[in-house]
Amino acid sequence: GLGLRGTTREEPALIGFTCLAFPLLAWAVCGPL
């Protein structure tokens, strides 16, 4: 089953990094830098 209750603290951080921080980092490094 897939639920939101059993999530660990690291799971939202990994999801946020994968979906938000990593593309932003790629854009910031590859674009201006």
Full PDB file with SEQRES, HELIX, SHEET, SSBOND, CRYST1, ORIGX, SCALE, CONECT and MASTER records, all heavy atoms in Angstrom:
SEQRES   1 A   33  GLY LEU GLY LEU ARG GLY THR THR ARG GLU GLU PRO ALA          
SEQRES   2 A   33  LEU ILE GLY PHE THR CYS LEU ALA PHE PRO LEU LEU ALA          
SEQRES   3 A   33  TRP ALA VAL CYS GLY PRO LEU                                  
HELIX    1 AA1 GLU A   10  GLY A   16  1                                   7    
HELIX    2 AA2 PHE A   17  ALA A   21  3                                   5    
HELIX    3 AA3 PHE A   22  CYS A   30  1                                   9    
CRYST1    1.000    1.000    1.000  90.00  90.00  90.00 P 1           1          
ORIGX1      1.000000  0.000000  0.000000        0.00000                         
ORIGX2      0.000000  1.000000  0.000000        0.00000                         
ORIGX3      0.000000  0.000000  1.000000        0.00000                         
SCALE1      1.000000  0.000000  0.000000        0.00000                         
SCALE2      0.000000  1.000000  0.000000        0.00000                         
SCALE3      0.000000  0.000000  1.000000        0.00000                         
ATOM      1  N   GLY A   1       0.849  -1.184   0.000  1.00  0.00           N  
ATOM      2  CA  GLY A   1       0.000   0.000   0.000  1.00  0.00           C  
ATOM      3  C   GLY A   1       0.884   1.233   0.000  1.00  0.00           C  
ATOM      4  O   GLY A   1       2.027   1.202   0.402  1.00  0.00           O  
ATOM      5  N   LEU A   2       0.350   2.323  -0.482  1.00  0.00           N  
ATOM      6  CA  LEU A   2       1.118   3.554  -0.563  1.00  0.00           C  
ATOM      7  C   LEU A   2       0.394   4.605   0.250  1.00  0.00           C  
ATOM      8  O   LEU A   2      -0.697   5.025  -0.093  1.00  0.00           O  
ATOM      9  CB  LEU A   2       1.248   3.991  -2.027  1.00  0.00           C  
ATOM     10  CG  LEU A   2       2.171   5.154  -2.309  1.00  0.00           C  
ATOM     11  CD1 LEU A   2       3.597   4.750  -1.956  1.00  0.00           C  
ATOM     12  CD2 LEU A   2       2.091   5.538  -3.760  1.00  0.00           C  
ATOM     13  N   GLY A   3       0.969   5.001   1.338  1.00  0.00           N  
ATOM     14  CA  GLY A   3       0.310   5.965   2.202  1.00  0.00           C  
ATOM     15  C   GLY A   3       1.216   7.124   2.536  1.00  0.00           C  
ATOM     16  O   GLY A   3       2.414   7.078   2.320  1.00  0.00           O  
ATOM     17  N   LEU A   4       0.626   8.150   3.077  1.00  0.00           N  
ATOM     18  CA  LEU A   4       1.399   9.312   3.495  1.00  0.00           C  
ATOM     19  C   LEU A   4       1.773   9.242   4.963  1.00  0.00           C  
ATOM     20  O   LEU A   4       2.650   9.940   5.422  1.00  0.00           O  
ATOM     21  CB  LEU A   4       0.603  10.587   3.224  1.00  0.00           C  
ATOM     22  CG  LEU A   4       0.327  10.887   1.766  1.00  0.00           C  
ATOM     23  CD1 LEU A   4      -0.564  12.114   1.634  1.00  0.00           C  
ATOM     24  CD2 LEU A   4       1.620  11.097   1.000  1.00  0.00           C  
ATOM     25  N   ARG A   5       1.099   8.395   5.726  1.00  0.00           N  
ATOM     26  CA  ARG A   5       1.350   8.337   7.168  1.00  0.00           C  
ATOM     27  C   ARG A   5       2.686   7.691   7.509  1.00  0.00           C  
ATOM     28  O   ARG A   5       3.330   8.085   8.457  1.00  0.00           O  
ATOM     29  CB  ARG A   5       0.244   7.575   7.870  1.00  0.00           C  
ATOM     30  CG  ARG A   5      -1.018   8.344   7.918  1.00  0.00           C  
ATOM     31  CD  ARG A   5      -2.022   7.614   8.779  1.00  0.00           C  
ATOM     32  NE  ARG A   5      -3.189   8.448   8.897  1.00  0.00           N  
ATOM     33  CZ  ARG A   5      -3.541   9.047  10.017  1.00  0.00           C  
ATOM     34  NH1 ARG A   5      -2.841   8.872  11.096  1.00  0.00           N  
ATOM     35  NH2 ARG A   5      -4.591   9.820  10.058  1.00  0.00           N  
ATOM     36  N   GLY A   6       3.095   6.700   6.760  1.00  0.00           N  
ATOM     37  CA  GLY A   6       4.299   5.970   7.103  1.00  0.00           C  
ATOM     38  C   GLY A   6       5.569   6.575   6.544  1.00  0.00           C  
ATOM     39  O   GLY A   6       6.588   5.918   6.506  1.00  0.00           O  
ATOM     40  N   THR A   7       5.521   7.814   6.083  1.00  0.00           N  
ATOM     41  CA  THR A   7       6.708   8.404   5.485  1.00  0.00           C  
ATOM     42  C   THR A   7       7.733   8.780   6.548  1.00  0.00           C  
ATOM     43  O   THR A   7       7.389   9.160   7.660  1.00  0.00           O  
ATOM     44  CB  THR A   7       6.354   9.663   4.671  1.00  0.00           C  
ATOM     45  OG1 THR A   7       5.767  10.629   5.550  1.00  0.00           O  
ATOM     46  CG2 THR A   7       5.403   9.352   3.560  1.00  0.00           C  
ATOM     47  N   THR A   8       8.959   8.660   6.172  1.00  0.00           N  
ATOM     48  CA  THR A   8      10.048   9.069   7.053  1.00  0.00           C  
ATOM     49  C   THR A   8      10.366  10.531   6.796  1.00  0.00           C  
ATOM     50  O   THR A   8       9.849  11.129   5.858  1.00  0.00           O  
ATOM     51  CB  THR A   8      11.293   8.205   6.794  1.00  0.00           C  
ATOM     52  OG1 THR A   8      11.700   8.395   5.441  1.00  0.00           O  
ATOM     53  CG2 THR A   8      11.007   6.734   7.038  1.00  0.00           C  
ATOM     54  N   ARG A   9      11.235  11.093   7.590  1.00  0.00           N  
ATOM     55  CA  ARG A   9      11.616  12.494   7.401  1.00  0.00           C  
ATOM     56  C   ARG A   9      12.412  12.690   6.119  1.00  0.00           C  
ATOM     57  O   ARG A   9      12.358  13.752   5.515  1.00  0.00           O  
ATOM     58  CB  ARG A   9      12.455  12.978   8.580  1.00  0.00           C  
ATOM     59  CG  ARG A   9      11.675  13.172   9.820  1.00  0.00           C  
ATOM     60  CD  ARG A   9      12.572  13.720  10.878  1.00  0.00           C  
ATOM     61  NE  ARG A   9      11.796  14.672  11.656  1.00  0.00           N  
ATOM     62  CZ  ARG A   9      12.305  15.579  12.434  1.00  0.00           C  
ATOM     63  NH1 ARG A   9      13.609  15.675  12.544  1.00  0.00           N  
ATOM     64  NH2 ARG A   9      11.549  16.393  13.107  1.00  0.00           N  
ATOM     65  N   GLU A  10      13.159  11.683   5.738  1.00  0.00           N  
ATOM     66  CA  GLU A  10      14.011  11.843   4.562  1.00  0.00           C  
ATOM     67  C   GLU A  10      13.236  11.752   3.253  1.00  0.00           C  
ATOM     68  O   GLU A  10      13.670  12.278   2.243  1.00  0.00           O  
ATOM     69  CB  GLU A  10      15.132  10.808   4.578  1.00  0.00           C  
ATOM     70  CG  GLU A  10      14.646   9.387   4.544  1.00  0.00           C  
ATOM     71  CD  GLU A  10      15.744   8.383   4.811  1.00  0.00           C  
ATOM     72  OE1 GLU A  10      16.850   8.775   5.168  1.00  0.00           O  
ATOM     73  OE2 GLU A  10      15.456   7.190   4.660  1.00  0.00           O  
ATOM     74  N   GLU A  11      12.079  11.123   3.263  1.00  0.00           N  
ATOM     75  CA  GLU A  11      11.328  10.941   2.022  1.00  0.00           C  
ATOM     76  C   GLU A  11      10.874  12.263   1.395  1.00  0.00           C  
ATOM     77  O   GLU A  11      11.115  12.482   0.206  1.00  0.00           O  
ATOM     78  CB  GLU A  11      10.140  10.014   2.262  1.00  0.00           C  
ATOM     79  CG  GLU A  11       9.452   9.597   0.999  1.00  0.00           C  
ATOM     80  CD  GLU A  11       8.361   8.593   1.266  1.00  0.00           C  
ATOM     81  OE1 GLU A  11       8.414   7.878   2.279  1.00  0.00           O  
ATOM     82  OE2 GLU A  11       7.436   8.524   0.453  1.00  0.00           O  
ATOM     83  N   PRO A  12      10.211  13.177   2.138  1.00  0.00           N  
ATOM     84  CA  PRO A  12       9.853  14.462   1.511  1.00  0.00           C  
ATOM     85  C   PRO A  12      11.073  15.261   1.066  1.00  0.00           C  
ATOM     86  O   PRO A  12      11.025  15.949   0.046  1.00  0.00           O  
ATOM     87  CB  PRO A  12       9.091  15.204   2.601  1.00  0.00           C  
ATOM     88  CG  PRO A  12       8.632  14.160   3.543  1.00  0.00           C  
ATOM     89  CD  PRO A  12       9.641  13.060   3.473  1.00  0.00           C  
ATOM     90  N   ALA A  13      12.172  15.141   1.804  1.00  0.00           N  
ATOM     91  CA  ALA A  13      13.390  15.843   1.402  1.00  0.00           C  
ATOM     92  C   ALA A  13      13.939  15.283   0.088  1.00  0.00           C  
ATOM     93  O   ALA A  13      14.361  16.050  -0.789  1.00  0.00           O  
ATOM     94  CB  ALA A  13      14.438  15.734   2.500  1.00  0.00           C  
ATOM     95  N   LEU A  14      13.918  13.971  -0.067  1.00  0.00           N  
ATOM     96  CA  LEU A  14      14.389  13.366  -1.312  1.00  0.00           C  
ATOM     97  C   LEU A  14      13.479  13.702  -2.482  1.00  0.00           C  
ATOM     98  O   LEU A  14      13.954  13.967  -3.593  1.00  0.00           O  
ATOM     99  CB  LEU A  14      14.493  11.847  -1.148  1.00  0.00           C  
ATOM    100  CG  LEU A  14      15.625  11.349  -0.255  1.00  0.00           C  
ATOM    101  CD1 LEU A  14      15.464   9.864   0.027  1.00  0.00           C  
ATOM    102  CD2 LEU A  14      16.963  11.642  -0.882  1.00  0.00           C  
ATOM    103  N   ILE A  15      12.181  13.711  -2.244  1.00  0.00           N  
ATOM    104  CA  ILE A  15      11.234  14.069  -3.302  1.00  0.00           C  
ATOM    105  C   ILE A  15      11.418  15.531  -3.699  1.00  0.00           C  
ATOM    106  O   ILE A  15      11.447  15.875  -4.884  1.00  0.00           O  
ATOM    107  CB  ILE A  15       9.787  13.786  -2.854  1.00  0.00           C  
ATOM    108  CG1 ILE A  15       9.572  12.286  -2.692  1.00  0.00           C  
ATOM    109  CG2 ILE A  15       8.783  14.353  -3.848  1.00  0.00           C  
ATOM    110  CD1 ILE A  15       8.283  11.912  -2.005  1.00  0.00           C  
ATOM    111  N   GLY A  16      11.571  16.405  -2.712  1.00  0.00           N  
ATOM    112  CA  GLY A  16      11.790  17.819  -3.002  1.00  0.00           C  
ATOM    113  C   GLY A  16      13.093  18.065  -3.737  1.00  0.00           C  
ATOM    114  O   GLY A  16      13.158  18.888  -4.653  1.00  0.00           O  
ATOM    115  N   PHE A  17      14.133  17.344  -3.340  1.00  0.00           N  
ATOM    116  CA  PHE A  17      15.414  17.512  -4.034  1.00  0.00           C  
ATOM    117  C   PHE A  17      15.308  17.020  -5.471  1.00  0.00           C  
ATOM    118  O   PHE A  17      15.796  17.681  -6.390  1.00  0.00           O  
ATOM    119  CB  PHE A  17      16.527  16.758  -3.304  1.00  0.00           C  
ATOM    120  CG  PHE A  17      17.865  16.944  -3.959  1.00  0.00           C  
ATOM    121  CD1 PHE A  17      18.586  18.105  -3.753  1.00  0.00           C  
ATOM    122  CD2 PHE A  17      18.389  15.966  -4.789  1.00  0.00           C  
ATOM    123  CE1 PHE A  17      19.813  18.293  -4.370  1.00  0.00           C  
ATOM    124  CE2 PHE A  17      19.612  16.148  -5.405  1.00  0.00           C  
ATOM    125  CZ  PHE A  17      20.329  17.314  -5.199  1.00  0.00           C  
ATOM    126  N   THR A  18      14.686  15.871  -5.674  1.00  0.00           N  
ATOM    127  CA  THR A  18      14.577  15.301  -7.018  1.00  0.00           C  
ATOM    128  C   THR A  18      13.736  16.169  -7.939  1.00  0.00           C  
ATOM    129  O   THR A  18      14.094  16.375  -9.094  1.00  0.00           O  
ATOM    130  CB  THR A  18      13.969  13.885  -6.948  1.00  0.00           C  
ATOM    131  OG1 THR A  18      14.784  13.074  -6.122  1.00  0.00           O  
ATOM    132  CG2 THR A  18      13.857  13.264  -8.321  1.00  0.00           C  
ATOM    133  N   CYS A  19      12.613  16.666  -7.436  1.00  0.00           N  
ATOM    134  CA  CYS A  19      11.670  17.381  -8.300  1.00  0.00           C  
ATOM    135  C   CYS A  19      11.903  18.889  -8.365  1.00  0.00           C  
ATOM    136  O   CYS A  19      11.494  19.522  -9.340  1.00  0.00           O  
ATOM    137  CB  CYS A  19      10.245  17.114  -7.830  1.00  0.00           C  
ATOM    138  SG  CYS A  19       9.762  15.393  -8.003  1.00  0.00           S  
ATOM    139  N   LEU A  20      12.530  19.475  -7.351  1.00  0.00           N  
ATOM    140  CA  LEU A  20      12.690  20.930  -7.315  1.00  0.00           C  
ATOM    141  C   LEU A  20      14.151  21.380  -7.291  1.00  0.00           C  
ATOM    142  O   LEU A  20      14.566  22.185  -8.126  1.00  0.00           O  
ATOM    143  CB  LEU A  20      11.950  21.505  -6.098  1.00  0.00           C  
ATOM    144  CG  LEU A  20      10.445  21.283  -6.070  1.00  0.00           C  
ATOM    145  CD1 LEU A  20       9.876  21.725  -4.742  1.00  0.00           C  
ATOM    146  CD2 LEU A  20       9.782  22.018  -7.215  1.00  0.00           C  
ATOM    147  N   ALA A  21      14.910  20.898  -6.331  1.00  0.00           N  
ATOM    148  CA  ALA A  21      16.267  21.409  -6.141  1.00  0.00           C  
ATOM    149  C   ALA A  21      17.220  20.974  -7.257  1.00  0.00           C  
ATOM    150  O   ALA A  21      18.028  21.781  -7.731  1.00  0.00           O  
ATOM    151  CB  ALA A  21      16.813  20.961  -4.789  1.00  0.00           C  
ATOM    152  N   PHE A  22      17.141  19.738  -7.694  1.00  0.00           N  
ATOM    153  CA  PHE A  22      18.054  19.253  -8.719  1.00  0.00           C  
ATOM    154  C   PHE A  22      17.844  19.966 -10.063  1.00  0.00           C  
ATOM    155  O   PHE A  22      18.821  20.385 -10.691  1.00  0.00           O  
ATOM    156  CB  PHE A  22      17.945  17.732  -8.849  1.00  0.00           C  
ATOM    157  CG  PHE A  22      19.037  17.107  -9.663  1.00  0.00           C  
ATOM    158  CD1 PHE A  22      20.363  17.361  -9.378  1.00  0.00           C  
ATOM    159  CD2 PHE A  22      18.737  16.261 -10.702  1.00  0.00           C  
ATOM    160  CE1 PHE A  22      21.376  16.787 -10.134  1.00  0.00           C  
ATOM    161  CE2 PHE A  22      19.732  15.682 -11.460  1.00  0.00           C  
ATOM    162  CZ  PHE A  22      21.061  15.946 -11.171  1.00  0.00           C  
ATOM    163  N   PRO A  23      16.596  20.150 -10.540  1.00  0.00           N  
ATOM    164  CA  PRO A  23      16.421  20.922 -11.776  1.00  0.00           C  
ATOM    165  C   PRO A  23      16.854  22.383 -11.625  1.00  0.00           C  
ATOM    166  O   PRO A  23      17.420  22.965 -12.546  1.00  0.00           O  
ATOM    167  CB  PRO A  23      14.925  20.832 -12.071  1.00  0.00           C  
ATOM    168  CG  PRO A  23      14.441  19.688 -11.293  1.00  0.00           C  
ATOM    169  CD  PRO A  23      15.336  19.536 -10.126  1.00  0.00           C  
ATOM    170  N   LEU A  24      16.593  22.964 -10.460  1.00  0.00           N  
ATOM    171  CA  LEU A  24      17.015  24.342 -10.221  1.00  0.00           C  
ATOM    172  C   LEU A  24      18.535  24.445 -10.221  1.00  0.00           C  
ATOM    173  O   LEU A  24      19.110  25.387 -10.784  1.00  0.00           O  
ATOM    174  CB  LEU A  24      16.439  24.836  -8.899  1.00  0.00           C  
ATOM    175  CG  LEU A  24      16.673  26.296  -8.560  1.00  0.00           C  
ATOM    176  CD1 LEU A  24      16.003  27.198  -9.587  1.00  0.00           C  
ATOM    177  CD2 LEU A  24      16.150  26.604  -7.167  1.00  0.00           C  
ATOM    178  N   LEU A  25      19.188  23.473  -9.638  1.00  0.00           N  
ATOM    179  CA  LEU A  25      20.649  23.433  -9.637  1.00  0.00           C  
ATOM    180  C   LEU A  25      21.186  23.270 -11.059  1.00  0.00           C  
ATOM    181  O   LEU A  25      22.164  23.933 -11.445  1.00  0.00           O  
ATOM    182  CB  LEU A  25      21.125  22.292  -8.740  1.00  0.00           C  
ATOM    183  CG  LEU A  25      22.624  22.115  -8.569  1.00  0.00           C  
ATOM    184  CD1 LEU A  25      23.209  23.302  -7.812  1.00  0.00           C  
ATOM    185  CD2 LEU A  25      22.910  20.830  -7.818  1.00  0.00           C  
ATOM    186  N   ALA A  26      20.570  22.402 -11.843  1.00  0.00           N  
ATOM    187  CA  ALA A  26      20.982  22.216 -13.237  1.00  0.00           C  
ATOM    188  C   ALA A  26      20.796  23.498 -14.032  1.00  0.00           C  
ATOM    189  O   ALA A  26      21.655  23.874 -14.839  1.00  0.00           O  
ATOM    190  CB  ALA A  26      20.185  21.074 -13.877  1.00  0.00           C  
ATOM    191  N   TRP A  27      19.691  24.187 -13.790  1.00  0.00           N  
ATOM    192  CA  TRP A  27      19.433  25.443 -14.493  1.00  0.00           C  
ATOM    193  C   TRP A  27      20.444  26.517 -14.090  1.00  0.00           C  
ATOM    194  O   TRP A  27      20.962  27.244 -14.937  1.00  0.00           O  
ATOM    195  CB  TRP A  27      18.011  25.915 -14.200  1.00  0.00           C  
ATOM    196  CG  TRP A  27      17.664  27.210 -14.838  1.00  0.00           C  
ATOM    197  CD1 TRP A  27      17.463  27.455 -16.171  1.00  0.00           C  
ATOM    198  CD2 TRP A  27      17.480  28.453 -14.172  1.00  0.00           C  
ATOM    199  NE1 TRP A  27      17.171  28.767 -16.370  1.00  0.00           N  
ATOM    200  CE2 TRP A  27      17.172  29.403 -15.154  1.00  0.00           C  
ATOM    201  CE3 TRP A  27      17.544  28.851 -12.841  1.00  0.00           C  
ATOM    202  CZ2 TRP A  27      16.932  30.731 -14.847  1.00  0.00           C  
ATOM    203  CZ3 TRP A  27      17.305  30.167 -12.537  1.00  0.00           C  
ATOM    204  CH2 TRP A  27      16.997  31.105 -13.528  1.00  0.00           C  
ATOM    205  N   ALA A  28      20.751  26.608 -12.802  1.00  0.00           N  
ATOM    206  CA  ALA A  28      21.667  27.637 -12.315  1.00  0.00           C  
ATOM    207  C   ALA A  28      23.102  27.375 -12.762  1.00  0.00           C  
ATOM    208  O   ALA A  28      23.832  28.309 -13.093  1.00  0.00           O  
ATOM    209  CB  ALA A  28      21.596  27.708 -10.790  1.00  0.00           C  
ATOM    210  N   VAL A  29      23.519  26.124 -12.774  1.00  0.00           N  
ATOM    211  CA  VAL A  29      24.897  25.808 -13.146  1.00  0.00           C  
ATOM    212  C   VAL A  29      25.079  25.837 -14.660  1.00  0.00           C  
ATOM    213  O   VAL A  29      26.022  26.441 -15.175  1.00  0.00           O  
ATOM    214  CB  VAL A  29      25.314  24.431 -12.578  1.00  0.00           C  
ATOM    215  CG1 VAL A  29      26.624  23.959 -13.167  1.00  0.00           C  
ATOM    216  CG2 VAL A  29      25.411  24.509 -11.065  1.00  0.00           C  
ATOM    217  N   CYS A  30      24.173  25.209 -15.386  1.00  0.00           N  
ATOM    218  CA  CYS A  30      24.338  25.103 -16.837  1.00  0.00           C  
ATOM    219  C   CYS A  30      24.026  26.408 -17.560  1.00  0.00           C  
ATOM    220  O   CYS A  30      24.640  26.713 -18.578  1.00  0.00           O  
ATOM    221  CB  CYS A  30      23.456  23.988 -17.389  1.00  0.00           C  
ATOM    222  SG  CYS A  30      23.946  22.367 -16.812  1.00  0.00           S  
ATOM    223  N   GLY A  31      23.071  27.176 -17.050  1.00  0.00           N  
ATOM    224  CA  GLY A  31      22.700  28.427 -17.707  1.00  0.00           C  
ATOM    225  C   GLY A  31      23.738  29.511 -17.526  1.00  0.00           C  
ATOM    226  O   GLY A  31      24.589  29.737 -18.394  1.00  0.00           O  
ATOM    227  N   PRO A  32      23.703  30.218 -16.402  1.00  0.00           N  
ATOM    228  CA  PRO A  32      24.622  31.346 -16.219  1.00  0.00           C  
ATOM    229  C   PRO A  32      26.093  30.939 -16.062  1.00  0.00           C  
ATOM    230  O   PRO A  32      26.977  31.612 -16.555  1.00  0.00           O  
ATOM    231  CB  PRO A  32      24.136  32.007 -14.925  1.00  0.00           C  
ATOM    232  CG  PRO A  32      22.806  31.443 -14.642  1.00  0.00           C  
ATOM    233  CD  PRO A  32      22.721  30.138 -15.350  1.00  0.00           C  
ATOM    234  N   LEU A  33      26.339  29.839 -15.386  1.00  0.00           N  
ATOM    235  CA  LEU A  33      27.720  29.472 -15.087  1.00  0.00           C  
ATOM    236  C   LEU A  33      28.453  28.904 -16.303  1.00  0.00           C  
ATOM    237  O   LEU A  33      29.582  29.290 -16.591  1.00  0.00           O  
ATOM    238  CB  LEU A  33      27.739  28.472 -13.927  1.00  0.00           C  
ATOM    239  CG  LEU A  33      29.002  28.399 -13.108  1.00  0.00           C  
ATOM    240  CD1 LEU A  33      29.304  29.740 -12.463  1.00  0.00           C  
ATOM    241  CD2 LEU A  33      28.867  27.350 -12.031  1.00  0.00           C  
TER     242      LEU A  33                                                      
MASTER        0    0    0    3    0    0    0    6  241    1    0    3          
END                                                                             
